[in-house]
């Protein structure tokens, strides 16, 4: 018998008691963190970082992309809240370098992008004009350092595919209470989509990244 296998006849086993919640589901995903602001740590996600063209809505069909070239990066965002059940919860976030003129500050000639704003939030901004390969390499280097910043998020439940989704419900306080008699138990992140009668669940949707200090 292998050394790590204990005989069922060993009297010491009678002292080992196992008890579990018969209604709990080990495979049920935990609820997302409560809405609010958190410190987060950023990592390069599994899909990585690439240079590609933007897909133009109502123009490009299938996999075709004819929009402007840009850096696209998929990130893993780890929530840092020691001592809480949601500490080290991982959220996925996609950002690109497409400049939006609508994000111009008063009196400034240039707008910004999600990626540029995230780099600024971790105090490692992309300064000056960069080629796309230079911006990609800078972003890779920054994420390799596992930078931290603040992030703000809310609960969102979606239905459908990743690029063709429909929002079912937003805002943690709009989700039903787990127990109306005990609001301190929090909100139920599992709901039924009234349109399809299918179960959907809330996730922590990051709204913005915040520079700290």
C-alpha atoms as a PDB file:
ATOM      1  CA  UNK A   1       0.000   0.000   0.000  1.00  0.00           C
ATOM      2  CA  UNK A   2       1.447   3.444  -0.921  1.00  0.00           C
ATOM      3  CA  UNK A   3       2.647   5.505   2.035  1.00  0.00           C
ATOM      4  CA  UNK A   4       0.046   8.251   1.427  1.00  0.00           C
ATOM      5  CA  UNK A   5      -2.890   5.783   1.530  1.00  0.00           C
ATOM      6  CA  UNK A   6      -4.415   5.059   4.965  1.00  0.00           C
ATOM      7  CA  UNK A   7      -6.023   1.716   5.705  1.00  0.00           C
ATOM      8  CA  UNK A   8      -9.770   1.974   6.199  1.00  0.00           C
ATOM      9  CA  UNK A   9      -9.304  -0.088   9.361  1.00  0.00           C
ATOM     10  CA  UNK A  10      -6.988   2.455  10.966  1.00  0.00           C
ATOM     11  CA  UNK A  11      -8.698   3.555  14.255  1.00  0.00           C
ATOM     12  CA  UNK A  12      -7.346   7.085  13.769  1.00  0.00           C
ATOM     13  CA  UNK A  13      -9.840   7.550  10.930  1.00  0.00           C
ATOM     14  CA  UNK A  14     -12.711   7.548  13.430  1.00  0.00           C
ATOM     15  CA  UNK A  15     -11.444  10.915  14.667  1.00  0.00           C
ATOM     16  CA  UNK A  16     -11.671  12.453  11.197  1.00  0.00           C
ATOM     17  CA  UNK A  17     -15.186  13.859  10.719  1.00  0.00           C
ATOM     18  CA  UNK A  18     -16.315  15.323   7.390  1.00  0.00           C
ATOM     19  CA  UNK A  19     -19.393  17.523   7.155  1.00  0.00           C
ATOM     20  CA  UNK A  20     -20.538  19.776   4.316  1.00  0.00           C
ATOM     21  CA  UNK A  21     -23.499  21.941   3.401  1.00  0.00           C
ATOM     22  CA  UNK A  22     -25.775  19.515   1.478  1.00  0.00           C
ATOM     23  CA  UNK A  23     -27.293  22.377  -0.523  1.00  0.00           C
ATOM     24  CA  UNK A  24     -24.019  24.045  -1.557  1.00  0.00           C
ATOM     25  CA  UNK A  25     -22.594  23.600  -5.064  1.00  0.00           C
ATOM     26  CA  UNK A  26     -18.793  23.353  -5.246  1.00  0.00           C
ATOM     27  CA  UNK A  27     -18.896  24.251  -8.963  1.00  0.00           C
ATOM     28  CA  UNK A  28     -21.083  27.340  -8.565  1.00  0.00           C
ATOM     29  CA  UNK A  29     -19.093  30.460  -9.427  1.00  0.00           C
ATOM     30  CA  UNK A  30     -18.837  32.850  -6.454  1.00  0.00           C
ATOM     31  CA  UNK A  31     -20.641  36.186  -6.614  1.00  0.00           C
ATOM     32  CA  UNK A  32     -18.738  39.131  -8.048  1.00  0.00           C
ATOM     33  CA  UNK A  33     -17.269  41.713  -5.666  1.00  0.00           C
ATOM     34  CA  UNK A  34     -19.655  44.412  -4.436  1.00  0.00           C
ATOM     35  CA  UNK A  35     -19.793  47.462  -6.656  1.00  0.00           C
ATOM     36  CA  UNK A  36     -17.278  50.179  -5.907  1.00  0.00           C
ATOM     37  CA  UNK A  37     -13.641  51.226  -6.204  1.00  0.00           C
ATOM     38  CA  UNK A  38     -10.758  48.796  -5.657  1.00  0.00           C
ATOM     39  CA  UNK A  39      -7.025  48.589  -5.985  1.00  0.00           C
ATOM     40  CA  UNK A  40      -6.176  46.245  -8.847  1.00  0.00           C
ATOM     41  CA  UNK A  41      -3.126  44.595 -10.388  1.00  0.00           C
ATOM     42  CA  UNK A  42      -2.895  44.258 -14.167  1.00  0.00           C
ATOM     43  CA  UNK A  43      -1.533  41.328 -16.168  1.00  0.00           C
ATOM     44  CA  UNK A  44      -1.401  40.469 -19.855  1.00  0.00           C
ATOM     45  CA  UNK A  45      -4.351  38.174 -20.566  1.00  0.00           C
ATOM     46  CA  UNK A  46      -4.366  34.836 -22.344  1.00  0.00           C
ATOM     47  CA  UNK A  47      -5.300  36.366 -25.721  1.00  0.00           C
ATOM     48  CA  UNK A  48      -2.265  38.635 -25.484  1.00  0.00           C
ATOM     49  CA  UNK A  49      -1.624  41.832 -27.416  1.00  0.00           C
ATOM     50  CA  UNK A  50      -1.744  42.364 -31.185  1.00  0.00           C
ATOM     51  CA  UNK A  51      -1.925  45.014 -33.877  1.00  0.00           C
ATOM     52  CA  UNK A  52      -5.062  44.697 -35.975  1.00  0.00           C
ATOM     53  CA  UNK A  53      -7.684  46.662 -37.855  1.00  0.00           C
ATOM     54  CA  UNK A  54     -10.918  47.879 -36.297  1.00  0.00           C
ATOM     55  CA  UNK A  55     -14.103  46.190 -37.395  1.00  0.00           C
ATOM     56  CA  UNK A  56     -16.462  48.792 -38.857  1.00  0.00           C
ATOM     57  CA  UNK A  57     -20.050  48.289 -37.717  1.00  0.00           C
ATOM     58  CA  UNK A  58     -22.613  47.817 -40.494  1.00  0.00           C
ATOM     59  CA  UNK A  59     -19.778  47.713 -43.059  1.00  0.00           C
ATOM     60  CA  UNK A  60     -17.517  44.727 -42.366  1.00  0.00           C
ATOM     61  CA  UNK A  61     -19.099  41.306 -42.733  1.00  0.00           C
ATOM     62  CA  UNK A  62     -17.898  38.099 -41.093  1.00  0.00           C
ATOM     63  CA  UNK A  63     -14.236  38.278 -40.096  1.00  0.00           C
ATOM     64  CA  UNK A  64     -13.496  41.236 -42.376  1.00  0.00           C
ATOM     65  CA  UNK A  65     -11.855  44.292 -40.780  1.00  0.00           C
ATOM     66  CA  UNK A  66     -11.281  47.468 -42.777  1.00  0.00           C
ATOM     67  CA  UNK A  67     -11.084  50.094 -40.022  1.00  0.00           C
ATOM     68  CA  UNK A  68      -7.967  51.854 -38.679  1.00  0.00           C
ATOM     69  CA  UNK A  69      -4.973  49.914 -37.409  1.00  0.00           C
ATOM     70  CA  UNK A  70      -4.541  49.894 -33.630  1.00  0.00           C
ATOM     71  CA  UNK A  71      -3.038  48.031 -30.689  1.00  0.00           C
ATOM     72  CA  UNK A  72      -5.507  45.603 -29.077  1.00  0.00           C
ATOM     73  CA  UNK A  73      -4.764  44.112 -25.670  1.00  0.00           C
ATOM     74  CA  UNK A  74      -6.605  41.634 -23.465  1.00  0.00           C
ATOM     75  CA  UNK A  75      -5.827  42.018 -19.770  1.00  0.00           C
ATOM     76  CA  UNK A  76      -6.464  40.097 -16.578  1.00  0.00           C
ATOM     77  CA  UNK A  77      -7.372  42.481 -13.765  1.00  0.00           C
ATOM     78  CA  UNK A  78      -6.882  41.098 -10.237  1.00  0.00           C
ATOM     79  CA  UNK A  79      -8.826  42.823  -7.461  1.00  0.00           C
ATOM     80  CA  UNK A  80      -6.740  43.510  -4.355  1.00  0.00           C
ATOM     81  CA  UNK A  81      -8.832  43.528  -1.180  1.00  0.00           C
ATOM     82  CA  UNK A  82      -7.043  41.455   1.482  1.00  0.00           C
ATOM     83  CA  UNK A  83      -9.256  39.761   4.025  1.00  0.00           C
ATOM     84  CA  UNK A  84     -12.337  39.776   1.785  1.00  0.00           C
ATOM     85  CA  UNK A  85     -13.768  36.728  -0.037  1.00  0.00           C
ATOM     86  CA  UNK A  86     -13.353  38.496  -3.375  1.00  0.00           C
ATOM     87  CA  UNK A  87      -9.661  39.266  -2.891  1.00  0.00           C
ATOM     88  CA  UNK A  88      -7.721  38.229  -6.024  1.00  0.00           C
ATOM     89  CA  UNK A  89     -10.899  37.913  -8.093  1.00  0.00           C
ATOM     90  CA  UNK A  90      -9.882  38.094 -11.752  1.00  0.00           C
ATOM     91  CA  UNK A  91     -11.794  40.167 -14.301  1.00  0.00           C
ATOM     92  CA  UNK A  92     -11.117  40.290 -18.029  1.00  0.00           C
ATOM     93  CA  UNK A  93     -10.744  43.634 -19.763  1.00  0.00           C
ATOM     94  CA  UNK A  94     -10.136  44.582 -23.382  1.00  0.00           C
ATOM     95  CA  UNK A  95      -8.555  47.870 -24.401  1.00  0.00           C
ATOM     96  CA  UNK A  96      -7.372  49.384 -27.654  1.00  0.00           C
ATOM     97  CA  UNK A  97      -5.412  52.400 -28.829  1.00  0.00           C
ATOM     98  CA  UNK A  98      -8.121  53.916 -31.053  1.00  0.00           C
ATOM     99  CA  UNK A  99      -8.126  57.646 -30.313  1.00  0.00           C
ATOM    100  CA  UNK A 100     -11.535  59.184 -29.621  1.00  0.00           C
ATOM    101  CA  UNK A 101     -11.925  62.864 -30.442  1.00  0.00           C
ATOM    102  CA  UNK A 102     -14.893  62.918 -28.078  1.00  0.00           C
ATOM    103  CA  UNK A 103     -12.404  62.484 -25.228  1.00  0.00           C
ATOM    104  CA  UNK A 104     -10.602  65.774 -25.896  1.00  0.00           C
ATOM    105  CA  UNK A 105     -10.010  67.954 -22.863  1.00  0.00           C
ATOM    106  CA  UNK A 106     -11.066  71.597 -23.176  1.00  0.00           C
ATOM    107  CA  UNK A 107      -8.523  73.529 -25.210  1.00  0.00           C
ATOM    108  CA  UNK A 108      -6.545  70.408 -26.193  1.00  0.00           C
ATOM    109  CA  UNK A 109      -6.182  69.267 -29.819  1.00  0.00           C
ATOM    110  CA  UNK A 110      -5.936  65.534 -29.129  1.00  0.00           C
ATOM    111  CA  UNK A 111      -8.253  62.944 -27.691  1.00  0.00           C
ATOM    112  CA  UNK A 112      -7.230  59.677 -26.032  1.00  0.00           C
ATOM    113  CA  UNK A 113      -7.916  55.937 -25.983  1.00  0.00           C
ATOM    114  CA  UNK A 114      -8.726  53.312 -23.388  1.00  0.00           C
ATOM    115  CA  UNK A 115      -5.191  51.954 -23.604  1.00  0.00           C
ATOM    116  CA  UNK A 116      -3.555  55.358 -23.172  1.00  0.00           C
ATOM    117  CA  UNK A 117      -5.769  56.065 -20.157  1.00  0.00           C
ATOM    118  CA  UNK A 118      -4.843  52.756 -18.513  1.00  0.00           C
ATOM    119  CA  UNK A 119      -1.130  53.418 -19.035  1.00  0.00           C
ATOM    120  CA  UNK A 120      -1.591  56.816 -17.432  1.00  0.00           C
ATOM    121  CA  UNK A 121      -3.495  55.255 -14.515  1.00  0.00           C
ATOM    122  CA  UNK A 122      -0.517  52.999 -13.685  1.00  0.00           C
ATOM    123  CA  UNK A 123       1.825  56.008 -13.925  1.00  0.00           C
ATOM    124  CA  UNK A 124       3.599  54.663 -17.018  1.00  0.00           C
ATOM    125  CA  UNK A 125       2.026  56.772 -19.783  1.00  0.00           C
ATOM    126  CA  UNK A 126       2.749  56.553 -23.488  1.00  0.00           C
ATOM    127  CA  UNK A 127       4.399  59.959 -23.878  1.00  0.00           C
ATOM    128  CA  UNK A 128       4.528  61.646 -27.265  1.00  0.00           C
ATOM    129  CA  UNK A 129       3.868  60.140 -30.669  1.00  0.00           C
ATOM    130  CA  UNK A 130       4.634  56.411 -30.887  1.00  0.00           C
ATOM    131  CA  UNK A 131       4.469  53.983 -33.764  1.00  0.00           C
ATOM    132  CA  UNK A 132       2.124  51.057 -33.207  1.00  0.00           C
ATOM    133  CA  UNK A 133       5.033  48.606 -32.669  1.00  0.00           C
ATOM    134  CA  UNK A 134       6.538  51.008 -30.114  1.00  0.00           C
ATOM    135  CA  UNK A 135       3.213  51.327 -28.290  1.00  0.00           C
ATOM    136  CA  UNK A 136       2.760  47.552 -28.309  1.00  0.00           C
ATOM    137  CA  UNK A 137       6.243  47.001 -26.851  1.00  0.00           C
ATOM    138  CA  UNK A 138       5.702  49.702 -24.220  1.00  0.00           C
ATOM    139  CA  UNK A 139       2.390  48.129 -23.184  1.00  0.00           C
ATOM    140  CA  UNK A 140       3.949  44.661 -22.984  1.00  0.00           C
ATOM    141  CA  UNK A 141       6.742  45.999 -20.789  1.00  0.00           C
ATOM    142  CA  UNK A 142       4.321  47.802 -18.495  1.00  0.00           C
ATOM    143  CA  UNK A 143       2.069  44.763 -18.024  1.00  0.00           C
ATOM    144  CA  UNK A 144       5.080  42.520 -17.424  1.00  0.00           C
ATOM    145  CA  UNK A 145       5.837  44.663 -14.357  1.00  0.00           C
ATOM    146  CA  UNK A 146       2.378  43.788 -12.899  1.00  0.00           C
ATOM    147  CA  UNK A 147       1.403  47.425 -12.296  1.00  0.00           C
ATOM    148  CA  UNK A 148      -1.313  48.535  -9.880  1.00  0.00           C
ATOM    149  CA  UNK A 149      -3.917  51.290  -9.988  1.00  0.00           C
ATOM    150  CA  UNK A 150      -7.514  51.874  -8.969  1.00  0.00           C
ATOM    151  CA  UNK A 151     -10.571  50.546 -10.789  1.00  0.00           C
ATOM    152  CA  UNK A 152     -14.299  51.186 -10.525  1.00  0.00           C
ATOM    153  CA  UNK A 153     -16.865  48.560 -11.423  1.00  0.00           C
ATOM    154  CA  UNK A 154     -20.497  47.511 -11.307  1.00  0.00           C
ATOM    155  CA  UNK A 155     -22.555  44.355 -11.695  1.00  0.00           C
ATOM    156  CA  UNK A 156     -23.716  43.500 -15.209  1.00  0.00           C
ATOM    157  CA  UNK A 157     -25.582  40.455 -16.518  1.00  0.00           C
ATOM    158  CA  UNK A 158     -25.418  39.764 -20.246  1.00  0.00           C
ATOM    159  CA  UNK A 159     -27.006  37.278 -22.620  1.00  0.00           C
ATOM    160  CA  UNK A 160     -25.670  36.160 -25.972  1.00  0.00           C
ATOM    161  CA  UNK A 161     -22.228  35.793 -27.513  1.00  0.00           C
ATOM    162  CA  UNK A 162     -19.170  37.884 -26.693  1.00  0.00           C
ATOM    163  CA  UNK A 163     -19.455  40.190 -29.718  1.00  0.00           C
ATOM    164  CA  UNK A 164     -23.240  39.995 -30.035  1.00  0.00           C
ATOM    165  CA  UNK A 165     -24.507  40.341 -26.499  1.00  0.00           C
ATOM    166  CA  UNK A 166     -27.532  41.929 -24.895  1.00  0.00           C
ATOM    167  CA  UNK A 167     -27.468  43.536 -21.457  1.00  0.00           C
ATOM    168  CA  UNK A 168     -30.102  41.983 -19.205  1.00  0.00           C
ATOM    169  CA  UNK A 169     -29.519  43.963 -16.006  1.00  0.00           C
ATOM    170  CA  UNK A 170     -26.993  46.424 -14.573  1.00  0.00           C
ATOM    171  CA  UNK A 171     -26.367  47.735 -11.067  1.00  0.00           C
ATOM    172  CA  UNK A 172     -25.990  45.511  -8.010  1.00  0.00           C
ATOM    173  CA  UNK A 173     -28.949  47.108  -6.220  1.00  0.00           C
ATOM    174  CA  UNK A 174     -31.211  46.139  -9.124  1.00  0.00           C
ATOM    175  CA  UNK A 175     -30.532  42.441  -8.547  1.00  0.00           C
ATOM    176  CA  UNK A 176     -32.897  40.647  -6.127  1.00  0.00           C
ATOM    177  CA  UNK A 177     -31.875  40.172  -2.518  1.00  0.00           C
ATOM    178  CA  UNK A 178     -30.803  36.691  -1.510  1.00  0.00           C
ATOM    179  CA  UNK A 179     -33.146  36.940   1.468  1.00  0.00           C
ATOM    180  CA  UNK A 180     -35.487  39.964   1.720  1.00  0.00           C
ATOM    181  CA  UNK A 181     -35.665  39.377   5.487  1.00  0.00           C
ATOM    182  CA  UNK A 182     -31.869  39.678   5.711  1.00  0.00           C
ATOM    183  CA  UNK A 183     -30.603  42.337   3.290  1.00  0.00           C
ATOM    184  CA  UNK A 184     -27.170  42.047   4.872  1.00  0.00           C
ATOM    185  CA  UNK A 185     -26.794  38.734   3.004  1.00  0.00           C
ATOM    186  CA  UNK A 186     -26.491  40.737  -0.205  1.00  0.00           C
ATOM    187  CA  UNK A 187     -27.874  40.350  -3.703  1.00  0.00           C
ATOM    188  CA  UNK A 188     -28.366  37.254  -5.843  1.00  0.00           C
ATOM    189  CA  UNK A 189     -26.017  37.363  -8.837  1.00  0.00           C
ATOM    190  CA  UNK A 190     -27.980  34.601 -10.591  1.00  0.00           C
ATOM    191  CA  UNK A 191     -31.122  35.774 -12.376  1.00  0.00           C
ATOM    192  CA  UNK A 192     -33.460  34.665 -15.159  1.00  0.00           C
ATOM    193  CA  UNK A 193     -33.414  36.551 -18.446  1.00  0.00           C
ATOM    194  CA  UNK A 194     -37.085  37.529 -18.883  1.00  0.00           C
ATOM    195  CA  UNK A 195     -36.741  37.497 -22.679  1.00  0.00           C
ATOM    196  CA  UNK A 196     -35.384  33.962 -23.047  1.00  0.00           C
ATOM    197  CA  UNK A 197     -36.178  32.439 -19.632  1.00  0.00           C
ATOM    198  CA  UNK A 198     -32.529  31.364 -19.477  1.00  0.00           C
ATOM    199  CA  UNK A 199     -30.309  31.686 -16.409  1.00  0.00           C
ATOM    200  CA  UNK A 200     -27.679  34.436 -16.551  1.00  0.00           C
ATOM    201  CA  UNK A 201     -25.259  35.670 -13.917  1.00  0.00           C
ATOM    202  CA  UNK A 202     -23.735  38.986 -12.992  1.00  0.00           C
ATOM    203  CA  UNK A 203     -20.064  39.723 -13.368  1.00  0.00           C
ATOM    204  CA  UNK A 204     -17.930  42.649 -12.198  1.00  0.00           C
ATOM    205  CA  UNK A 205     -17.766  45.014 -15.160  1.00  0.00           C
ATOM    206  CA  UNK A 206     -14.901  47.514 -14.946  1.00  0.00           C
ATOM    207  CA  UNK A 207     -16.093  50.999 -15.803  1.00  0.00           C
ATOM    208  CA  UNK A 208     -12.851  52.949 -15.437  1.00  0.00           C
ATOM    209  CA  UNK A 209      -9.280  52.871 -14.231  1.00  0.00           C
ATOM    210  CA  UNK A 210      -8.113  55.430 -11.675  1.00  0.00           C
ATOM    211  CA  UNK A 211      -4.668  56.832 -11.094  1.00  0.00           C
ATOM    212  CA  UNK A 212      -3.713  56.552  -7.428  1.00  0.00           C
ATOM    213  CA  UNK A 213      -1.287  59.019  -5.852  1.00  0.00           C
END
